Amino acid sequence: MRTVDGRVAGRRGQATRQKLLDCLSEMLRSSPYRDVKVIDVARKAGTSPATFYQYFPDVEGAVLELADGMAAESSDLSALVAGRSWAGKAGWQTAQELVDGFLEFWRHHDAILRVVDLGAAEGDKRFAKIRMKVLNAVNSSLSEAVAELQAKGRVDPDVNPAAVAGSLVVMLAAAASHQKGFSSWGVKQAELKPTLALLTYLGVTGRKPTR
C-alpha cells in the first residue's frame, strides 16, 4: 500500500486510509456524490485534508478505490451461475439464488453503484469499465449456461446465448437498482424476487420452471 507520492504506508497509515474510505462510503449513502468534499471526509475521519491527500488525489480518486473493491466482490455473483444446474427443481433454485444474490449485492453496494452508474452515463471510461466488470461477472456465466443447454438440444438453436445473457443481466441490474421504487407501484419485495426468478429461468431455459 503506497501513498500518493509513492511512499510505502505503514500499518497506522493503512488504518487511516481505510478509515477515510469507510467514512466516504458512509457519506455517499446520505449525500449526493458531487456534494462530498475532502474537508468533510477528513473531518468525519478525525483527521485533516492534508492527510487525505497523502492517500488520494481527490474525492473521485477515493471513490474509484471504493468502486474497485466493490467490483472485486462481484466475482461472488459468478459462483451463483457457474457450474450450476438449470434442470428441473435444481434449475429453479439456481434462478432464485441468482436473483437473491443480485438484489443483495445491489442493496449492500447501493451508494457506490449509484456513483458508478452516474460516472458511466457521463462517459467516464473508468467508471464504465468498473460497471462492465460487475455485470460481466454474471453475463459470461449465463451465456455459457445457455450455450450448454443449446448443445444438449434443450434450447432453441437460433437463440444467441450472449444476447439472452446480456438482456437478463441488464434486467436484473435495473430491477436491483430500483428496489425501493417498486413499492410505489404496489409491488412488495416478496413478490419481486419470484417474478425476477421466473423471468430469468424462462430466459435461460425457454421453459416454465419445475417448483
C-alpha atoms as a PDB file:
ATOM      1  CA  MET A   1       0.000   0.000   0.000  1.00  0.00           C
ATOM      2  CA  ARG A   2       1.580   3.268  -1.141  1.00  0.00           C
ATOM      3  CA  THR A   3       0.796   6.940  -0.600  1.00  0.00           C
ATOM      4  CA  VAL A   4       0.190   9.380  -3.447  1.00  0.00           C
ATOM      5  CA  ASP A   5       3.879  10.313  -3.520  1.00  0.00           C
ATOM      6  CA  GLY A   6       4.973   6.668  -3.719  1.00  0.00           C
ATOM      7  CA  ARG A   7       5.949   6.013  -0.110  1.00  0.00           C
ATOM      8  CA  VAL A   8       5.001   2.687   1.459  1.00  0.00           C
ATOM      9  CA  ALA A   9       2.241   3.199   4.023  1.00  0.00           C
ATOM     10  CA  GLY A  10       2.836   1.578   7.401  1.00  0.00           C
ATOM     11  CA  ARG A  11       0.220  -0.193   9.494  1.00  0.00           C
ATOM     12  CA  ARG A  12      -1.010   3.059  11.031  1.00  0.00           C
ATOM     13  CA  GLY A  13      -1.142   4.732   7.626  1.00  0.00           C
ATOM     14  CA  GLN A  14      -3.110   1.850   6.155  1.00  0.00           C
ATOM     15  CA  ALA A  15      -5.595   2.072   9.021  1.00  0.00           C
ATOM     16  CA  THR A  16      -6.020   5.812   8.412  1.00  0.00           C
ATOM     17  CA  ARG A  17      -6.511   5.239   4.704  1.00  0.00           C
ATOM     18  CA  GLN A  18      -9.166   2.602   5.349  1.00  0.00           C
ATOM     19  CA  LYS A  19     -10.941   4.854   7.829  1.00  0.00           C
ATOM     20  CA  LEU A  20     -11.100   7.598   5.206  1.00  0.00           C
ATOM     21  CA  LEU A  21     -12.626   5.148   2.738  1.00  0.00           C
ATOM     22  CA  ASP A  22     -15.126   3.907   5.323  1.00  0.00           C
ATOM     23  CA  CYS A  23     -16.193   7.467   6.143  1.00  0.00           C
ATOM     24  CA  LEU A  24     -16.529   8.335   2.461  1.00  0.00           C
ATOM     25  CA  SER A  25     -18.634   5.232   1.873  1.00  0.00           C
ATOM     26  CA  GLU A  26     -20.924   6.201   4.748  1.00  0.00           C
ATOM     27  CA  MET A  27     -21.278   9.763   3.459  1.00  0.00           C
ATOM     28  CA  LEU A  28     -22.207   8.575  -0.030  1.00  0.00           C
ATOM     29  CA  ARG A  29     -25.240   6.808   1.453  1.00  0.00           C
ATOM     30  CA  SER A  30     -26.795  10.087   2.516  1.00  0.00           C
ATOM     31  CA  SER A  31     -25.161  12.784   0.359  1.00  0.00           C
ATOM     32  CA  PRO A  32     -25.022  13.334  -3.409  1.00  0.00           C
ATOM     33  CA  TYR A  33     -21.608  12.398  -4.798  1.00  0.00           C
ATOM     34  CA  ARG A  34     -20.950  15.936  -6.077  1.00  0.00           C
ATOM     35  CA  ASP A  35     -21.598  17.406  -2.618  1.00  0.00           C
ATOM     36  CA  VAL A  36     -18.968  15.340  -0.804  1.00  0.00           C
ATOM     37  CA  LYS A  37     -15.835  17.406  -0.120  1.00  0.00           C
ATOM     38  CA  VAL A  38     -12.372  16.379   1.049  1.00  0.00           C
ATOM     39  CA  ILE A  39     -12.612  18.518   4.164  1.00  0.00           C
ATOM     40  CA  ASP A  40     -15.886  16.828   5.160  1.00  0.00           C
ATOM     41  CA  VAL A  41     -14.465  13.319   4.717  1.00  0.00           C
ATOM     42  CA  ALA A  42     -11.327  14.234   6.665  1.00  0.00           C
ATOM     43  CA  ARG A  43     -13.323  15.811   9.487  1.00  0.00           C
ATOM     44  CA  LYS A  44     -15.577  12.762   9.763  1.00  0.00           C
ATOM     45  CA  ALA A  45     -12.494  10.534   9.930  1.00  0.00           C
ATOM     46  CA  GLY A  46     -10.979  12.733  12.636  1.00  0.00           C
ATOM     47  CA  THR A  47      -8.036  13.825  10.523  1.00  0.00           C
ATOM     48  CA  SER A  48      -7.024  16.666   8.175  1.00  0.00           C
ATOM     49  CA  PRO A  49      -7.373  17.345   4.438  1.00  0.00           C
ATOM     50  CA  ALA A  50      -3.587  17.164   4.203  1.00  0.00           C
ATOM     51  CA  THR A  51      -3.727  13.579   5.467  1.00  0.00           C
ATOM     52  CA  PHE A  52      -6.478  12.745   2.959  1.00  0.00           C
ATOM     53  CA  TYR A  53      -4.284  13.988   0.111  1.00  0.00           C
ATOM     54  CA  GLN A  54      -1.481  11.698   1.270  1.00  0.00           C
ATOM     55  CA  TYR A  55      -3.579   8.735   0.167  1.00  0.00           C
ATOM     56  CA  PHE A  56      -5.921  10.028  -2.544  1.00  0.00           C
ATOM     57  CA  PRO A  57      -5.593  12.743  -5.218  1.00  0.00           C
ATOM     58  CA  ASP A  58      -9.202  13.861  -4.654  1.00  0.00           C
ATOM     59  CA  VAL A  59     -12.649  12.563  -3.695  1.00  0.00           C
ATOM     60  CA  GLU A  60     -13.102  10.979  -7.109  1.00  0.00           C
ATOM     61  CA  GLY A  61      -9.879   9.031  -6.670  1.00  0.00           C
ATOM     62  CA  ALA A  62     -11.107   7.679  -3.347  1.00  0.00           C
ATOM     63  CA  VAL A  63     -14.481   6.814  -4.886  1.00  0.00           C
ATOM     64  CA  LEU A  64     -12.698   4.816  -7.582  1.00  0.00           C
ATOM     65  CA  GLU A  65     -10.889   2.891  -4.848  1.00  0.00           C
ATOM     66  CA  LEU A  66     -14.233   2.002  -3.291  1.00  0.00           C
ATOM     67  CA  ALA A  67     -15.627   1.058  -6.686  1.00  0.00           C
ATOM     68  CA  ASP A  68     -12.676  -1.218  -7.435  1.00  0.00           C
ATOM     69  CA  GLY A  69     -13.193  -3.008  -4.133  1.00  0.00           C
ATOM     70  CA  MET A  70     -16.881  -3.421  -4.863  1.00  0.00           C
ATOM     71  CA  ALA A  71     -16.158  -4.771  -8.349  1.00  0.00           C
ATOM     72  CA  ALA A  72     -13.757  -7.337  -6.882  1.00  0.00           C
ATOM     73  CA  GLU A  73     -16.588  -8.670  -4.714  1.00  0.00           C
ATOM     74  CA  SER A  74     -18.814  -9.099  -7.774  1.00  0.00           C
ATOM     75  CA  SER A  75     -16.906 -12.299  -8.589  1.00  0.00           C
ATOM     76  CA  ASP A  76     -19.105 -13.936  -5.945  1.00  0.00           C
ATOM     77  CA  LEU A  77     -22.074 -13.399  -8.285  1.00  0.00           C
ATOM     78  CA  SER A  78     -20.456 -15.600 -10.922  1.00  0.00           C
ATOM     79  CA  ALA A  79     -20.429 -18.510  -8.479  1.00  0.00           C
ATOM     80  CA  LEU A  80     -24.228 -18.340  -8.383  1.00  0.00           C
ATOM     81  CA  VAL A  81     -24.327 -19.407 -12.046  1.00  0.00           C
ATOM     82  CA  ALA A  82     -21.060 -21.120 -12.995  1.00  0.00           C
ATOM     83  CA  GLY A  83     -21.393 -24.902 -12.956  1.00  0.00           C
ATOM     84  CA  ARG A  84     -24.956 -24.756 -11.628  1.00  0.00           C
ATOM     85  CA  SER A  85     -27.777 -26.879 -12.994  1.00  0.00           C
ATOM     86  CA  TRP A  86     -30.714 -25.334 -14.880  1.00  0.00           C
ATOM     87  CA  ALA A  87     -32.716 -28.558 -14.989  1.00  0.00           C
ATOM     88  CA  GLY A  88     -35.906 -29.186 -13.043  1.00  0.00           C
ATOM     89  CA  LYS A  89     -36.139 -28.058  -9.440  1.00  0.00           C
ATOM     90  CA  ALA A  90     -32.374 -27.506  -9.277  1.00  0.00           C
ATOM     91  CA  GLY A  91     -32.691 -25.012 -12.134  1.00  0.00           C
ATOM     92  CA  TRP A  92     -35.464 -23.137 -10.371  1.00  0.00           C
ATOM     93  CA  GLN A  93     -33.277 -22.953  -7.268  1.00  0.00           C
ATOM     94  CA  THR A  94     -30.389 -21.610  -9.371  1.00  0.00           C
ATOM     95  CA  ALA A  95     -32.620 -18.855 -10.736  1.00  0.00           C
ATOM     96  CA  GLN A  96     -33.861 -17.939  -7.257  1.00  0.00           C
ATOM     97  CA  GLU A  97     -30.382 -17.838  -5.742  1.00  0.00           C
ATOM     98  CA  LEU A  98     -29.076 -15.710  -8.613  1.00  0.00           C
ATOM     99  CA  VAL A  99     -31.859 -13.177  -8.087  1.00  0.00           C
ATOM    100  CA  ASP A 100     -31.315 -13.171  -4.327  1.00  0.00           C
ATOM    101  CA  GLY A 101     -27.604 -12.608  -4.824  1.00  0.00           C
ATOM    102  CA  PHE A 102     -28.128  -9.810  -7.317  1.00  0.00           C
ATOM    103  CA  LEU A 103     -30.622  -7.953  -5.136  1.00  0.00           C
ATOM    104  CA  GLU A 104     -28.477  -8.337  -2.019  1.00  0.00           C
ATOM    105  CA  PHE A 105     -25.320  -7.195  -3.827  1.00  0.00           C
ATOM    106  CA  TRP A 106     -27.087  -4.035  -5.040  1.00  0.00           C
ATOM    107  CA  ARG A 107     -28.549  -3.322  -1.611  1.00  0.00           C
ATOM    108  CA  HIS A 108     -25.153  -3.705   0.034  1.00  0.00           C
ATOM    109  CA  HIS A 109     -23.328  -1.533  -2.517  1.00  0.00           C
ATOM    110  CA  ASP A 110     -26.189   0.791  -3.430  1.00  0.00           C
ATOM    111  CA  ALA A 111     -24.343   4.061  -2.744  1.00  0.00           C
ATOM    112  CA  ILE A 112     -21.197   3.299  -4.730  1.00  0.00           C
ATOM    113  CA  LEU A 113     -23.156   1.648  -7.557  1.00  0.00           C
ATOM    114  CA  ARG A 114     -25.175   4.849  -7.985  1.00  0.00           C
ATOM    115  CA  VAL A 115     -21.930   6.794  -8.390  1.00  0.00           C
ATOM    116  CA  VAL A 116     -20.556   4.205 -10.821  1.00  0.00           C
ATOM    117  CA  ASP A 117     -23.734   4.374 -12.911  1.00  0.00           C
ATOM    118  CA  LEU A 118     -23.584   8.176 -12.921  1.00  0.00           C
ATOM    119  CA  GLY A 119     -19.949   8.235 -13.999  1.00  0.00           C
ATOM    120  CA  ALA A 120     -20.524   5.618 -16.694  1.00  0.00           C
ATOM    121  CA  ALA A 121     -23.578   7.501 -18.017  1.00  0.00           C
ATOM    122  CA  GLU A 122     -21.473  10.663 -18.257  1.00  0.00           C
ATOM    123  CA  GLY A 123     -18.917   8.837 -20.387  1.00  0.00           C
ATOM    124  CA  ASP A 124     -16.186   8.328 -17.798  1.00  0.00           C
ATOM    125  CA  LYS A 125     -14.385   5.236 -19.081  1.00  0.00           C
ATOM    126  CA  ARG A 126     -13.009   4.384 -15.640  1.00  0.00           C
ATOM    127  CA  PHE A 127     -16.481   4.024 -14.157  1.00  0.00           C
ATOM    128  CA  ALA A 128     -17.793   2.343 -17.316  1.00  0.00           C
ATOM    129  CA  LYS A 129     -15.051  -0.279 -17.040  1.00  0.00           C
ATOM    130  CA  ILE A 130     -15.956  -0.981 -13.415  1.00  0.00           C
ATOM    131  CA  ARG A 131     -19.645  -1.266 -14.277  1.00  0.00           C
ATOM    132  CA  MET A 132     -18.901  -3.755 -17.048  1.00  0.00           C
ATOM    133  CA  LYS A 133     -16.716  -5.795 -14.700  1.00  0.00           C
ATOM    134  CA  VAL A 134     -19.626  -6.140 -12.275  1.00  0.00           C
ATOM    135  CA  LEU A 135     -22.111  -7.106 -14.985  1.00  0.00           C
ATOM    136  CA  ASN A 136     -19.674  -9.436 -16.763  1.00  0.00           C
ATOM    137  CA  ALA A 137     -19.315 -11.432 -13.560  1.00  0.00           C
ATOM    138  CA  VAL A 138     -22.766 -12.868 -14.314  1.00  0.00           C
ATOM    139  CA  ASN A 139     -23.076 -12.255 -18.051  1.00  0.00           C
ATOM    140  CA  SER A 140     -20.301 -14.643 -19.075  1.00  0.00           C
ATOM    141  CA  SER A 141     -21.552 -17.467 -16.856  1.00  0.00           C
ATOM    142  CA  LEU A 142     -25.151 -17.059 -18.032  1.00  0.00           C
ATOM    143  CA  SER A 143     -24.083 -17.039 -21.657  1.00  0.00           C
ATOM    144  CA  GLU A 144     -22.162 -20.283 -21.115  1.00  0.00           C
ATOM    145  CA  ALA A 145     -25.195 -21.835 -19.404  1.00  0.00           C
ATOM    146  CA  VAL A 146     -27.451 -21.051 -22.371  1.00  0.00           C
ATOM    147  CA  ALA A 147     -24.842 -22.348 -24.834  1.00  0.00           C
ATOM    148  CA  GLU A 148     -24.556 -25.617 -22.881  1.00  0.00           C
ATOM    149  CA  LEU A 149     -28.325 -26.090 -22.952  1.00  0.00           C
ATOM    150  CA  GLN A 150     -28.261 -25.444 -26.700  1.00  0.00           C
ATOM    151  CA  ALA A 151     -25.601 -28.105 -27.172  1.00  0.00           C
ATOM    152  CA  LYS A 152     -27.872 -30.570 -25.367  1.00  0.00           C
ATOM    153  CA  GLY A 153     -30.802 -29.649 -27.634  1.00  0.00           C
ATOM    154  CA  ARG A 154     -32.797 -28.117 -24.787  1.00  0.00           C
ATOM    155  CA  VAL A 155     -32.751 -24.521 -26.060  1.00  0.00           C
ATOM    156  CA  ASP A 156     -33.694 -23.152 -29.488  1.00  0.00           C
ATOM    157  CA  PRO A 157     -30.525 -23.268 -31.649  1.00  0.00           C
ATOM    158  CA  ASP A 158     -31.390 -19.905 -33.190  1.00  0.00           C
ATOM    159  CA  VAL A 159     -31.105 -18.150 -29.829  1.00  0.00           C
ATOM    160  CA  ASN A 160     -27.952 -16.075 -29.299  1.00  0.00           C
ATOM    161  CA  PRO A 161     -26.601 -17.020 -25.832  1.00  0.00           C
ATOM    162  CA  ALA A 162     -24.779 -13.688 -25.411  1.00  0.00           C
ATOM    163  CA  ALA A 163     -27.936 -11.743 -26.290  1.00  0.00           C
ATOM    164  CA  VAL A 164     -30.021 -13.735 -23.805  1.00  0.00           C
ATOM    165  CA  ALA A 165     -27.446 -13.359 -21.046  1.00  0.00           C
ATOM    166  CA  GLY A 166     -26.956  -9.647 -21.682  1.00  0.00           C
ATOM    167  CA  SER A 167     -30.697  -8.984 -21.664  1.00  0.00           C
ATOM    168  CA  LEU A 168     -31.185 -10.851 -18.392  1.00  0.00           C
ATOM    169  CA  VAL A 169     -28.247  -9.160 -16.679  1.00  0.00           C
ATOM    170  CA  VAL A 170     -29.444  -5.702 -17.690  1.00  0.00           C
ATOM    171  CA  MET A 171     -32.942  -6.576 -16.431  1.00  0.00           C
ATOM    172  CA  LEU A 172     -31.584  -7.787 -13.091  1.00  0.00           C
ATOM    173  CA  ALA A 173     -29.323  -4.752 -12.676  1.00  0.00           C
ATOM    174  CA  ALA A 174     -32.135  -2.328 -13.450  1.00  0.00           C
ATOM    175  CA  ALA A 175     -34.554  -4.084 -11.114  1.00  0.00           C
ATOM    176  CA  ALA A 176     -31.948  -4.317  -8.355  1.00  0.00           C
ATOM    177  CA  SER A 177     -31.164  -0.604  -8.573  1.00  0.00           C
ATOM    178  CA  HIS A 178     -34.875   0.239  -8.405  1.00  0.00           C
ATOM    179  CA  GLN A 179     -35.817  -1.950  -5.432  1.00  0.00           C
ATOM    180  CA  LYS A 180     -37.115   0.895  -3.298  1.00  0.00           C
ATOM    181  CA  GLY A 181     -39.159   2.266  -6.181  1.00  0.00           C
ATOM    182  CA  PHE A 182     -41.177  -0.906  -6.691  1.00  0.00           C
ATOM    183  CA  SER A 183     -43.203  -0.181  -3.562  1.00  0.00           C
ATOM    184  CA  SER A 184     -44.640   2.940  -5.240  1.00  0.00           C
ATOM    185  CA  TRP A 185     -46.064   0.626  -7.911  1.00  0.00           C
ATOM    186  CA  GLY A 186     -47.640  -1.586  -5.278  1.00  0.00           C
ATOM    187  CA  VAL A 187     -45.008  -4.331  -5.673  1.00  0.00           C
ATOM    188  CA  LYS A 188     -43.749  -5.944  -2.481  1.00  0.00           C
ATOM    189  CA  GLN A 189     -40.210  -7.305  -2.124  1.00  0.00           C
ATOM    190  CA  ALA A 190     -41.665 -10.778  -1.544  1.00  0.00           C
ATOM    191  CA  GLU A 191     -43.397 -10.531  -4.928  1.00  0.00           C
ATOM    192  CA  LEU A 192     -40.411  -9.097  -6.781  1.00  0.00           C
ATOM    193  CA  LYS A 193     -37.997 -11.973  -6.158  1.00  0.00           C
ATOM    194  CA  PRO A 194     -40.106 -14.847  -7.568  1.00  0.00           C
ATOM    195  CA  THR A 195     -41.099 -12.726 -10.557  1.00  0.00           C
ATOM    196  CA  LEU A 196     -37.478 -11.969 -11.445  1.00  0.00           C
ATOM    197  CA  ALA A 197     -36.551 -15.616 -10.856  1.00  0.00           C
ATOM    198  CA  LEU A 198     -39.334 -16.729 -13.214  1.00  0.00           C
ATOM    199  CA  LEU A 199     -38.222 -14.333 -15.950  1.00  0.00           C
ATOM    200  CA  THR A 200     -34.611 -15.432 -15.505  1.00  0.00           C
ATOM    201  CA  TYR A 201     -35.468 -19.119 -15.677  1.00  0.00           C
ATOM    202  CA  LEU A 202     -37.673 -18.622 -18.736  1.00  0.00           C
ATOM    203  CA  GLY A 203     -34.941 -16.575 -20.393  1.00  0.00           C
ATOM    204  CA  VAL A 204     -32.248 -19.192 -19.856  1.00  0.00           C
ATOM    205  CA  THR A 205     -34.236 -22.366 -20.498  1.00  0.00           C
ATOM    206  CA  GLY A 206     -37.230 -21.238 -22.569  1.00  0.00           C
ATOM    207  CA  ARG A 207     -39.438 -23.316 -20.287  1.00  0.00           C
ATOM    208  CA  LYS A 208     -41.593 -22.940 -17.211  1.00  0.00           C
ATOM    209  CA  PRO A 209     -39.808 -23.945 -14.010  1.00  0.00           C
ATOM    210  CA  THR A 210     -40.432 -27.125 -12.060  1.00  0.00           C
ATOM    211  CA  ARG A 211     -41.146 -25.976  -8.493  1.00  0.00           C
END
